[in-house]
Amino acid sequence: MTEQMTTGLDLTDLLALYDRHERFEASFPDLRREELAHLVRQVGLFGNAGAVIYSDLGAATADAAIEAQMAHFQSIGQAFEWKVYAHDQPPDLVARLAAHGFEIDEHEAILVLDVHSVPAVLLAPTPNVKRVQQLDELRDVAAIRQRVRGDQVVERLARELRDVPEYLSVYVAYVENAPAACGWIRFPKTSPFASLWGGATLPELRKRGLYTALLAARVHEASARGWRFVTVDARSMSRPILEKRGFRLLTYATACTWHG
């Protein structure tokens, strides 16, 4: 994560750096990394789903590789997500996964912000945003996520905050002392990329600057801790907001899920 590693990079070089750190070498507290000949497999350690986030396949070998991963995850009783990036080979990998029964999600824009070039809007104070300090404060995150996304991620967040507190920071924005929006940021040890996750705002409290306030709080922490880049997997609603705040398009990705 040195200055020499990351200065003077164009988007092509930056994408190669991203592939190396965020895909090929990536490790996660709740997953076990398994490096195979032409892909990297992540196996869930706590009953959670697994993943394939890096692959380098050929047209002649892709279908066999897909079937091998389906068989493996079937044997251990896990669903898994195969995340396909726009520059992955073969070019029709998403279509091949669909033909094997994978559920294809909306493609996302992978955006990156150079923390050394943060726009002024992300430097403003954020008094209405608080970082979660105690596990019981995650109840505010749970309330927001349940209403906005209909999901519960608190168990995973609690485990990470308890076991690897330096890896995760969770933030909540408040309106009149009531939880209104949330988001978190992860800090991999050996990567120059911190990553943003979980952004959600109560519908009736949108367009009040809460999204930007949460963004600013997390980017500020990344800068203070010495991270050079911040990334986010952005959908169509959040992408324009992020690009107005200095994020650049790096590539696209499509999540393809096999439920078994």
Protein backbone atom coordinates (compact mmCIF):
# COMPACT_ATOMS: atom_id res chain seq x y z
CA MET A 1 0.00 0.00 0.00
CA THR A 2 2.97 2.27 -0.64
CA GLU A 3 2.98 5.55 -2.51
CA GLN A 4 5.31 4.04 -5.12
CA MET A 5 2.84 1.25 -5.84
CA THR A 6 -0.07 3.48 -6.69
CA THR A 7 1.14 6.78 -8.14
CA GLY A 8 0.86 7.51 -11.85
CA LEU A 9 -1.58 4.70 -12.63
CA ASP A 10 -3.95 4.97 -15.56
CA LEU A 11 -7.23 3.03 -15.47
CA THR A 12 -5.68 0.00 -17.20
CA ASP A 13 -2.95 -0.26 -14.57
CA LEU A 14 -5.47 0.42 -11.83
CA LEU A 15 -7.70 -2.39 -13.08
CA ALA A 16 -4.74 -4.79 -13.03
CA LEU A 17 -4.01 -3.71 -9.45
CA TYR A 18 -7.66 -4.22 -8.53
CA ASP A 19 -7.72 -7.71 -10.09
CA ARG A 20 -4.66 -8.69 -8.12
CA HIS A 21 -5.64 -7.38 -4.70
CA GLU A 22 -9.44 -7.46 -4.71
CA ARG A 23 -9.95 -10.66 -6.66
CA PHE A 24 -6.99 -13.02 -7.07
CA GLU A 25 -5.29 -12.47 -3.69
CA ALA A 26 -8.42 -11.43 -1.77
CA SER A 27 -9.15 -13.07 1.58
CA PHE A 28 -12.10 -12.56 3.92
CA PRO A 29 -12.64 -13.33 7.63
CA ASP A 30 -15.65 -15.57 6.99
CA LEU A 31 -14.38 -17.34 3.86
CA ARG A 32 -11.54 -19.78 3.12
CA ARG A 33 -9.51 -18.96 0.00
CA GLU A 34 -8.76 -21.91 -2.26
CA GLU A 35 -6.53 -21.24 -5.28
CA LEU A 36 -7.10 -23.61 -8.22
CA ALA A 37 -5.48 -23.75 -11.65
CA HIS A 38 -7.63 -21.11 -13.36
CA LEU A 39 -9.79 -19.63 -10.62
CA VAL A 40 -9.93 -18.70 -6.95
CA ARG A 41 -12.71 -20.18 -4.86
CA GLN A 42 -13.97 -18.78 -1.56
CA VAL A 43 -15.69 -21.28 0.75
CA GLY A 44 -18.03 -20.12 3.53
CA LEU A 45 -16.86 -20.84 7.08
CA PHE A 46 -20.03 -20.02 9.03
CA GLY A 47 -22.77 -21.56 6.95
CA ASN A 48 -22.72 -18.62 4.57
CA ALA A 49 -22.58 -18.96 0.79
CA GLY A 50 -19.30 -19.29 -1.05
CA ALA A 51 -18.00 -17.41 -4.07
CA VAL A 52 -15.82 -17.39 -7.15
CA ILE A 53 -14.53 -13.85 -7.63
CA TYR A 54 -11.58 -14.53 -9.93
CA SER A 55 -11.34 -16.79 -12.96
CA ASP A 56 -9.23 -16.93 -16.12
CA LEU A 57 -10.84 -19.53 -18.36
CA GLY A 58 -10.79 -20.44 -22.03
CA ALA A 59 -13.73 -21.17 -24.30
CA ALA A 60 -12.82 -24.86 -24.33
CA THR A 61 -12.53 -25.20 -20.54
CA ALA A 62 -15.18 -22.84 -19.14
CA ASP A 63 -18.13 -25.23 -19.05
CA ALA A 64 -16.13 -27.96 -17.33
CA ALA A 65 -14.87 -25.42 -14.76
CA ILE A 66 -18.41 -24.24 -14.08
CA GLU A 67 -19.66 -27.81 -13.62
CA ALA A 68 -16.74 -28.62 -11.31
CA GLN A 69 -17.58 -25.68 -9.03
CA MET A 70 -21.26 -26.59 -9.01
CA ALA A 71 -20.33 -30.13 -7.98
CA HIS A 72 -17.96 -28.90 -5.27
CA PHE A 73 -20.39 -26.51 -3.64
CA GLN A 74 -23.17 -29.08 -3.95
CA SER A 75 -20.97 -31.56 -2.07
CA ILE A 76 -20.54 -29.17 0.87
CA GLY A 77 -24.11 -27.92 0.85
CA GLN A 78 -23.42 -24.31 -0.07
CA ALA A 79 -24.88 -21.93 -2.59
CA PHE A 80 -22.29 -19.69 -4.25
CA GLU A 81 -21.92 -16.54 -6.28
CA TRP A 82 -19.74 -16.39 -9.38
CA LYS A 83 -18.88 -12.74 -9.94
CA VAL A 84 -18.05 -12.08 -13.58
CA TYR A 85 -16.19 -8.93 -14.58
CA ALA A 86 -16.51 -7.31 -18.01
CA HIS A 87 -12.93 -8.18 -19.00
CA ASP A 88 -13.11 -11.83 -17.87
CA GLN A 89 -12.68 -14.63 -20.36
CA PRO A 90 -14.38 -16.17 -22.19
CA PRO A 91 -16.53 -13.17 -23.20
CA ASP A 92 -19.75 -15.22 -22.95
CA LEU A 93 -19.09 -16.44 -19.40
CA VAL A 94 -22.31 -14.90 -18.03
CA ALA A 95 -24.37 -16.62 -20.74
CA ARG A 96 -22.67 -19.94 -19.95
CA LEU A 97 -23.46 -19.57 -16.26
CA ALA A 98 -27.08 -18.76 -17.10
CA ALA A 99 -27.26 -21.90 -19.24
CA HIS A 100 -26.10 -23.92 -16.20
CA GLY A 101 -28.94 -22.57 -14.08
CA PHE A 102 -27.31 -19.59 -12.39
CA GLU A 103 -29.51 -16.63 -11.44
CA ILE A 104 -28.15 -13.52 -13.16
CA ASP A 105 -28.32 -10.26 -11.23
CA GLU A 106 -28.29 -6.68 -12.50
CA HIS A 107 -24.78 -5.72 -13.57
CA GLU A 108 -22.96 -3.27 -11.35
CA ALA A 109 -20.44 -0.53 -12.07
CA ILE A 110 -17.17 -0.93 -10.18
CA LEU A 111 -16.20 2.61 -9.23
CA VAL A 112 -12.97 3.86 -7.68
CA LEU A 113 -12.01 7.06 -5.86
CA ASP A 114 -8.43 8.25 -5.43
CA VAL A 115 -8.32 9.36 -1.81
CA HIS A 116 -5.57 11.83 -2.69
CA SER A 117 -8.04 13.71 -4.92
CA VAL A 118 -11.16 13.89 -2.75
CA PRO A 119 -13.63 16.62 -3.79
CA ALA A 120 -14.61 19.30 -1.29
CA VAL A 121 -18.11 17.87 -0.80
CA LEU A 122 -16.55 14.84 0.91
CA LEU A 123 -14.45 16.95 3.26
CA ALA A 124 -17.35 18.62 5.08
CA PRO A 125 -18.04 17.70 8.75
CA THR A 126 -20.67 15.00 9.33
CA PRO A 127 -22.08 15.61 12.83
CA ASN A 128 -25.20 13.54 12.16
CA VAL A 129 -23.14 10.43 11.35
CA LYS A 130 -21.85 8.15 14.10
CA ARG A 131 -19.55 5.15 13.96
CA VAL A 132 -20.84 2.02 15.71
CA GLN A 133 -18.78 1.46 18.85
CA GLN A 134 -20.77 -1.26 20.63
CA LEU A 135 -22.34 -4.38 19.16
CA ASP A 136 -25.77 -3.51 20.54
CA GLU A 137 -25.72 -0.35 18.41
CA LEU A 138 -26.11 -2.58 15.36
CA ARG A 139 -29.82 -2.68 16.17
CA ASP A 140 -30.10 0.66 14.36
CA VAL A 141 -28.47 -0.89 11.27
CA ALA A 142 -30.84 -3.85 11.50
CA ALA A 143 -33.89 -1.58 11.62
CA ILE A 144 -32.79 0.37 8.54
CA ARG A 145 -31.78 -2.66 6.49
CA GLN A 146 -34.97 -4.52 7.30
CA ARG A 147 -37.10 -1.66 6.03
CA VAL A 148 -35.02 -0.78 2.97
CA ARG A 149 -33.61 -4.11 1.81
CA GLY A 150 -35.71 -6.64 3.66
CA ASP A 151 -32.56 -8.43 4.85
CA GLN A 152 -30.54 -8.95 7.98
CA VAL A 153 -26.76 -8.61 7.89
CA VAL A 154 -26.18 -7.86 11.53
CA GLU A 155 -24.90 -11.32 12.45
CA ARG A 156 -22.06 -11.07 9.94
CA LEU A 157 -21.27 -7.47 10.91
CA ALA A 158 -21.25 -8.36 14.59
CA ARG A 159 -18.88 -11.27 13.99
CA GLU A 160 -16.46 -9.08 12.03
CA LEU A 161 -16.57 -6.26 14.58
CA ARG A 162 -15.92 -8.74 17.38
CA ASP A 163 -13.24 -10.88 15.71
CA VAL A 164 -11.46 -8.44 13.36
CA PRO A 165 -12.44 -4.92 14.49
CA GLU A 166 -9.70 -3.28 12.44
CA TYR A 167 -11.23 -4.74 9.26
CA LEU A 168 -14.70 -3.17 9.47
CA SER A 169 -16.23 0.19 10.39
CA VAL A 170 -20.01 0.64 10.46
CA TYR A 171 -21.69 4.04 10.34
CA VAL A 172 -25.24 5.23 10.99
CA ALA A 173 -26.73 8.61 10.03
CA TYR A 174 -29.44 10.04 12.30
CA VAL A 175 -32.30 12.49 11.81
CA GLU A 176 -33.71 13.90 15.04
CA ASN A 177 -31.83 11.19 16.94
CA ALA A 178 -33.55 8.40 14.99
CA PRO A 179 -31.58 6.04 12.70
CA ALA A 180 -32.10 7.10 9.08
CA ALA A 181 -29.29 5.62 6.94
CA CYS A 182 -26.36 3.25 7.27
CA GLY A 183 -23.28 1.98 5.47
CA TRP A 184 -19.96 0.35 6.23
CA ILE A 185 -16.40 0.16 4.94
CA ARG A 186 -13.94 -2.74 4.92
CA PHE A 187 -10.15 -2.45 5.13
CA PRO A 188 -8.26 -5.50 3.78
CA LYS A 189 -4.79 -5.69 5.34
CA THR A 190 -2.71 -6.14 2.20
CA SER A 191 -4.70 -4.12 -0.33
CA PRO A 192 -4.57 -0.41 -1.29
CA PHE A 193 -8.35 -0.59 -1.79
CA ALA A 194 -10.86 -0.01 0.98
CA SER A 195 -14.41 -0.91 -0.06
CA LEU A 196 -17.82 0.60 0.66
CA TRP A 197 -20.85 -1.59 1.38
CA GLY A 198 -24.37 -1.62 2.69
CA GLY A 199 -25.60 1.85 1.82
CA ALA A 200 -29.29 2.21 2.70
CA THR A 201 -31.52 5.20 3.53
CA LEU A 202 -35.11 5.16 4.75
CA PRO A 203 -37.32 6.17 1.78
CA GLU A 204 -39.00 9.08 3.50
CA LEU A 205 -35.61 10.58 4.46
CA ARG A 206 -33.89 10.49 1.09
CA LYS A 207 -32.59 13.62 -0.69
CA ARG A 208 -31.42 15.12 2.60
CA GLY A 209 -27.70 14.55 2.04
CA LEU A 210 -27.48 11.48 4.26
CA TYR A 211 -25.94 9.32 1.54
CA THR A 212 -23.20 11.90 0.96
CA ALA A 213 -22.64 12.33 4.70
CA LEU A 214 -22.12 8.59 5.16
CA LEU A 215 -19.85 8.54 2.13
CA ALA A 216 -17.78 11.42 3.51
CA ALA A 217 -17.38 9.80 6.93
CA ARG A 218 -16.08 6.57 5.42
CA VAL A 219 -13.78 8.23 2.90
CA HIS A 220 -12.36 10.39 5.71
CA GLU A 221 -11.54 7.27 7.74
CA ALA A 222 -9.90 5.62 4.73
CA SER A 223 -7.72 8.69 4.23
CA ALA A 224 -6.84 8.91 7.92
CA ARG A 225 -5.81 5.25 7.97
CA GLY A 226 -3.61 5.57 4.90
CA TRP A 227 -5.65 3.79 2.24
CA ARG A 228 -5.08 5.14 -1.27
CA PHE A 229 -8.29 4.04 -3.02
CA VAL A 230 -11.93 3.47 -2.12
CA THR A 231 -14.09 1.24 -4.29
CA VAL A 232 -17.80 0.55 -4.47
CA ASP A 233 -19.98 -1.84 -6.47
CA ALA A 234 -22.62 0.64 -7.62
CA ARG A 235 -26.04 0.02 -9.07
CA SER A 236 -27.89 2.38 -11.37
CA MET A 237 -29.38 4.51 -8.57
CA SER A 238 -26.13 5.24 -6.74
CA ARG A 239 -23.71 5.42 -9.65
CA PRO A 240 -24.57 9.02 -10.76
CA ILE A 241 -24.29 10.27 -7.18
CA LEU A 242 -20.89 8.67 -6.73
CA GLU A 243 -19.54 9.90 -10.06
CA LYS A 244 -20.54 13.46 -9.14
CA ARG A 245 -18.40 13.02 -6.04
CA GLY A 246 -15.23 12.01 -7.83
CA PHE A 247 -15.58 8.25 -8.36
CA ARG A 248 -14.46 6.89 -11.75
CA LEU A 249 -15.67 3.84 -13.62
CA LEU A 250 -13.17 0.97 -13.44
CA THR A 251 -15.18 -1.91 -14.94
CA TYR A 252 -18.51 -3.70 -14.72
CA ALA A 253 -19.41 -6.86 -12.82
CA THR A 254 -22.34 -9.25 -12.82
CA ALA A 255 -23.23 -11.48 -9.89
CA CYS A 256 -24.37 -14.94 -10.97
CA THR A 257 -25.79 -17.08 -8.15
CA TRP A 258 -26.20 -20.85 -8.03
CA HIS A 259 -28.63 -21.97 -5.34
CA GLY A 260 -28.08 -25.68 -5.66
